[in-house]
Amino acid sequence: MPFQESFDIIAFRSRQHAFYFSQVLRDHGISSQIMSTPKEILLGCGLSVRFSPHVRSRVLRIYKQINSPITGCYHIIRTGNETRFSRIPI
């Protein structure tokens, strides 16, 4: 059985906003990572903040308070070499 992982990302328009938002999440006790935006949705500055789908509602609530310019929010499922994306409405 191939390895499977799922996670959410917010793709940002600027590197500065991506790093700032990641720090805001850490300040709220939410684990996140800066990552390259997947090539299939490569928009903006090329950086995204990755986080667990289990904390999505908290992350989106914080995002709405910060309101940094983003290109979108996505749920990603990787199974082996296959990657599926779905846009998360904000």
N, C-alpha and C. Protein backbone atom coordinates (compact mmCIF):
# COMPACT_ATOMS: atom_id res chain seq x y z
N MET A 1 0.84 -1.18 0.00
CA MET A 1 0.00 0.00 0.00
C MET A 1 0.89 1.24 0.00
N PRO A 2 0.66 2.20 -0.91
CA PRO A 2 1.50 3.39 -0.97
C PRO A 2 1.26 4.31 0.22
N PHE A 3 2.29 5.06 0.53
CA PHE A 3 2.24 6.03 1.61
C PHE A 3 1.22 7.12 1.26
N GLN A 4 0.43 7.52 2.26
CA GLN A 4 -0.56 8.58 2.05
C GLN A 4 -0.42 9.62 3.14
N GLU A 5 -0.50 10.89 2.73
CA GLU A 5 -0.52 11.98 3.70
C GLU A 5 -1.52 13.02 3.23
N SER A 6 -2.11 13.72 4.18
CA SER A 6 -3.01 14.82 3.83
C SER A 6 -2.69 16.01 4.73
N PHE A 7 -2.80 17.17 4.14
CA PHE A 7 -2.52 18.39 4.87
C PHE A 7 -3.20 19.55 4.16
N ASP A 8 -3.23 20.69 4.81
CA ASP A 8 -3.80 21.91 4.24
C ASP A 8 -2.69 22.93 4.08
N ILE A 9 -2.86 23.82 3.11
CA ILE A 9 -1.91 24.92 2.93
C ILE A 9 -2.67 26.20 2.64
N ILE A 10 -2.04 27.30 2.98
CA ILE A 10 -2.47 28.61 2.52
C ILE A 10 -1.31 29.15 1.69
N ALA A 11 -1.59 29.45 0.42
CA ALA A 11 -0.57 29.99 -0.49
C ALA A 11 -0.62 31.52 -0.43
N PHE A 12 0.52 32.13 -0.22
CA PHE A 12 0.60 33.58 -0.03
C PHE A 12 1.12 34.31 -1.27
N ARG A 13 0.79 35.57 -1.34
CA ARG A 13 1.25 36.43 -2.45
C ARG A 13 2.65 36.97 -2.19
N SER A 14 3.08 37.02 -0.93
CA SER A 14 4.43 37.52 -0.64
C SER A 14 5.09 36.63 0.40
N ARG A 15 6.40 36.53 0.29
CA ARG A 15 7.18 35.73 1.24
C ARG A 15 7.04 36.29 2.65
N GLN A 16 7.04 37.61 2.76
CA GLN A 16 6.93 38.25 4.06
C GLN A 16 5.64 37.85 4.77
N HIS A 17 4.52 37.84 4.04
CA HIS A 17 3.24 37.45 4.64
C HIS A 17 3.23 35.98 5.05
N ALA A 18 3.87 35.13 4.26
CA ALA A 18 3.92 33.70 4.60
C ALA A 18 4.68 33.49 5.92
N PHE A 19 5.85 34.12 6.05
CA PHE A 19 6.64 33.98 7.28
C PHE A 19 5.91 34.60 8.47
N TYR A 20 5.28 35.74 8.26
CA TYR A 20 4.54 36.39 9.34
C TYR A 20 3.39 35.51 9.82
N PHE A 21 2.61 34.96 8.88
CA PHE A 21 1.47 34.15 9.28
C PHE A 21 1.91 32.87 9.99
N SER A 22 3.00 32.28 9.53
CA SER A 22 3.53 31.10 10.21
C SER A 22 3.89 31.42 11.66
N GLN A 23 4.49 32.58 11.88
CA GLN A 23 4.84 33.00 13.23
C GLN A 23 3.58 33.25 14.07
N VAL A 24 2.57 33.85 13.48
CA VAL A 24 1.31 34.09 14.20
C VAL A 24 0.70 32.75 14.63
N LEU A 25 0.72 31.76 13.76
CA LEU A 25 0.20 30.44 14.13
C LEU A 25 0.99 29.85 15.29
N ARG A 26 2.31 29.93 15.24
CA ARG A 26 3.14 29.41 16.34
C ARG A 26 2.80 30.14 17.64
N ASP A 27 2.59 31.46 17.56
CA ASP A 27 2.23 32.23 18.75
C ASP A 27 0.90 31.77 19.35
N HIS A 28 0.03 31.20 18.50
CA HIS A 28 -1.25 30.65 18.96
C HIS A 28 -1.15 29.16 19.30
N GLY A 29 0.05 28.61 19.28
CA GLY A 29 0.25 27.20 19.64
C GLY A 29 -0.10 26.22 18.54
N ILE A 30 -0.13 26.68 17.31
CA ILE A 30 -0.48 25.81 16.18
C ILE A 30 0.79 25.51 15.39
N SER A 31 1.07 24.24 15.23
CA SER A 31 2.24 23.82 14.48
C SER A 31 2.03 24.07 12.99
N SER A 32 3.04 24.64 12.33
CA SER A 32 2.96 24.90 10.90
C SER A 32 4.35 24.85 10.31
N GLN A 33 4.41 24.78 8.99
CA GLN A 33 5.68 24.77 8.27
C GLN A 33 5.57 25.68 7.07
N ILE A 34 6.68 26.32 6.74
CA ILE A 34 6.77 27.03 5.46
C ILE A 34 7.21 25.99 4.44
N MET A 35 6.55 25.98 3.30
CA MET A 35 6.92 25.04 2.24
C MET A 35 6.77 25.71 0.88
N SER A 36 7.40 25.14 -0.12
CA SER A 36 7.20 25.61 -1.48
C SER A 36 5.79 25.26 -1.91
N THR A 37 5.12 26.19 -2.53
CA THR A 37 3.78 25.93 -3.04
C THR A 37 3.88 24.86 -4.13
N PRO A 38 3.07 23.81 -4.06
CA PRO A 38 3.12 22.77 -5.10
C PRO A 38 2.96 23.35 -6.49
N LYS A 39 3.69 22.79 -7.44
CA LYS A 39 3.71 23.34 -8.80
C LYS A 39 2.34 23.38 -9.45
N GLU A 40 1.45 22.49 -9.06
CA GLU A 40 0.11 22.46 -9.65
C GLU A 40 -0.71 23.70 -9.30
N ILE A 41 -0.37 24.35 -8.21
CA ILE A 41 -1.10 25.55 -7.80
C ILE A 41 -0.15 26.71 -7.59
N LEU A 42 1.00 26.65 -8.23
CA LEU A 42 2.04 27.66 -8.03
C LEU A 42 1.54 29.03 -8.48
N LEU A 43 1.21 29.81 -7.50
CA LEU A 43 0.75 31.18 -7.69
C LEU A 43 1.43 32.04 -6.63
N GLY A 44 1.45 33.30 -6.83
CA GLY A 44 1.99 34.20 -5.82
C GLY A 44 3.49 34.10 -5.69
N CYS A 45 3.99 34.11 -4.47
CA CYS A 45 5.43 34.16 -4.20
C CYS A 45 6.08 32.79 -4.23
N GLY A 46 5.30 31.72 -4.28
CA GLY A 46 5.86 30.38 -4.29
C GLY A 46 6.02 29.76 -2.92
N LEU A 47 5.56 30.45 -1.87
CA LEU A 47 5.62 29.89 -0.52
C LEU A 47 4.23 29.74 0.05
N SER A 48 4.06 28.67 0.82
CA SER A 48 2.80 28.39 1.49
C SER A 48 3.08 28.02 2.94
N VAL A 49 2.05 28.13 3.75
CA VAL A 49 2.11 27.67 5.13
C VAL A 49 1.30 26.38 5.20
N ARG A 50 1.96 25.33 5.66
CA ARG A 50 1.34 24.00 5.76
C ARG A 50 0.91 23.76 7.20
N PHE A 51 -0.28 23.15 7.35
CA PHE A 51 -0.79 22.86 8.69
C PHE A 51 -1.72 21.65 8.61
N SER A 52 -2.05 21.10 9.75
CA SER A 52 -2.90 19.92 9.83
C SER A 52 -4.37 20.27 9.55
N PRO A 53 -5.07 19.40 8.81
CA PRO A 53 -6.50 19.64 8.59
C PRO A 53 -7.31 19.67 9.89
N HIS A 54 -6.75 19.08 10.94
CA HIS A 54 -7.47 19.04 12.22
C HIS A 54 -7.59 20.41 12.88
N VAL A 55 -6.73 21.35 12.48
CA VAL A 55 -6.77 22.70 13.07
C VAL A 55 -7.24 23.73 12.05
N ARG A 56 -7.82 23.27 10.95
CA ARG A 56 -8.24 24.18 9.87
C ARG A 56 -9.15 25.30 10.36
N SER A 57 -10.14 24.97 11.15
CA SER A 57 -11.09 26.01 11.57
C SER A 57 -10.38 27.09 12.40
N ARG A 58 -9.45 26.69 13.26
CA ARG A 58 -8.69 27.67 14.05
C ARG A 58 -7.80 28.52 13.15
N VAL A 59 -7.14 27.88 12.20
CA VAL A 59 -6.24 28.60 11.29
C VAL A 59 -7.03 29.61 10.46
N LEU A 60 -8.17 29.20 9.94
CA LEU A 60 -8.97 30.12 9.12
C LEU A 60 -9.53 31.27 9.95
N ARG A 61 -9.86 31.00 11.19
CA ARG A 61 -10.34 32.07 12.08
C ARG A 61 -9.22 33.09 12.32
N ILE A 62 -8.01 32.60 12.55
CA ILE A 62 -6.86 33.49 12.73
C ILE A 62 -6.58 34.25 11.44
N TYR A 63 -6.64 33.54 10.31
CA TYR A 63 -6.39 34.21 9.02
C TYR A 63 -7.37 35.37 8.81
N LYS A 64 -8.62 35.17 9.12
CA LYS A 64 -9.62 36.22 8.92
C LYS A 64 -9.33 37.45 9.77
N GLN A 65 -8.67 37.27 10.92
CA GLN A 65 -8.28 38.41 11.75
C GLN A 65 -7.08 39.13 11.15
N ILE A 66 -6.14 38.37 10.57
CA ILE A 66 -4.91 38.94 10.00
C ILE A 66 -5.18 39.49 8.61
N ASN A 67 -5.89 38.70 7.80
CA ASN A 67 -6.28 39.07 6.44
C ASN A 67 -5.11 39.46 5.54
N SER A 68 -4.06 38.64 5.54
CA SER A 68 -2.92 38.84 4.64
C SER A 68 -3.33 38.45 3.23
N PRO A 69 -2.70 39.05 2.21
CA PRO A 69 -3.05 38.69 0.83
C PRO A 69 -2.59 37.27 0.49
N ILE A 70 -3.54 36.46 0.08
CA ILE A 70 -3.24 35.06 -0.27
C ILE A 70 -3.73 34.77 -1.69
N THR A 71 -3.26 33.65 -2.23
CA THR A 71 -3.76 33.19 -3.53
C THR A 71 -4.79 32.09 -3.36
N GLY A 72 -4.85 31.49 -2.16
CA GLY A 72 -5.86 30.48 -1.91
C GLY A 72 -5.49 29.55 -0.77
N CYS A 73 -6.47 28.77 -0.37
CA CYS A 73 -6.31 27.77 0.68
C CYS A 73 -6.70 26.43 0.08
N TYR A 74 -5.90 25.38 0.33
CA TYR A 74 -6.09 24.09 -0.34
C TYR A 74 -5.93 22.94 0.62
N HIS A 75 -6.68 21.87 0.37
CA HIS A 75 -6.49 20.59 1.04
C HIS A 75 -5.76 19.69 0.05
N ILE A 76 -4.70 19.05 0.49
CA ILE A 76 -3.87 18.23 -0.39
C ILE A 76 -3.79 16.82 0.15
N ILE A 77 -3.97 15.86 -0.75
CA ILE A 77 -3.81 14.44 -0.41
C ILE A 77 -2.77 13.87 -1.36
N ARG A 78 -1.70 13.34 -0.79
CA ARG A 78 -0.66 12.69 -1.58
C ARG A 78 -0.70 11.20 -1.30
N THR A 79 -0.84 10.41 -2.36
CA THR A 79 -0.82 8.95 -2.27
C THR A 79 0.20 8.46 -3.28
N GLY A 80 1.32 7.96 -2.79
CA GLY A 80 2.38 7.54 -3.70
C GLY A 80 2.83 8.72 -4.53
N ASN A 81 2.77 8.58 -5.86
CA ASN A 81 3.16 9.65 -6.78
C ASN A 81 2.00 10.55 -7.17
N GLU A 82 0.81 10.25 -6.71
CA GLU A 82 -0.38 11.02 -7.08
C GLU A 82 -0.68 12.08 -6.03
N THR A 83 -0.99 13.28 -6.50
CA THR A 83 -1.34 14.38 -5.60
C THR A 83 -2.68 14.94 -6.04
N ARG A 84 -3.61 15.05 -5.10
CA ARG A 84 -4.93 15.63 -5.38
C ARG A 84 -5.11 16.90 -4.57
N PHE A 85 -5.71 17.91 -5.19
CA PHE A 85 -5.93 19.20 -4.55
C PHE A 85 -7.42 19.52 -4.55
N SER A 86 -7.86 20.17 -3.49
CA SER A 86 -9.19 20.74 -3.50
C SER A 86 -9.10 22.09 -2.80
N ARG A 87 -9.75 23.06 -3.41
CA ARG A 87 -9.73 24.42 -2.85
C ARG A 87 -10.66 24.49 -1.65
N ILE A 88 -10.21 25.17 -0.62
CA ILE A 88 -11.00 25.36 0.59
C ILE A 88 -11.57 26.78 0.54
N PRO A 89 -12.88 26.92 0.53
CA PRO A 89 -13.46 28.27 0.52
C PRO A 89 -13.18 29.00 1.83
N ILE A 90 -12.87 30.26 1.69
CA ILE A 90 -12.59 31.07 2.90
C ILE A 90 -13.69 32.09 3.07
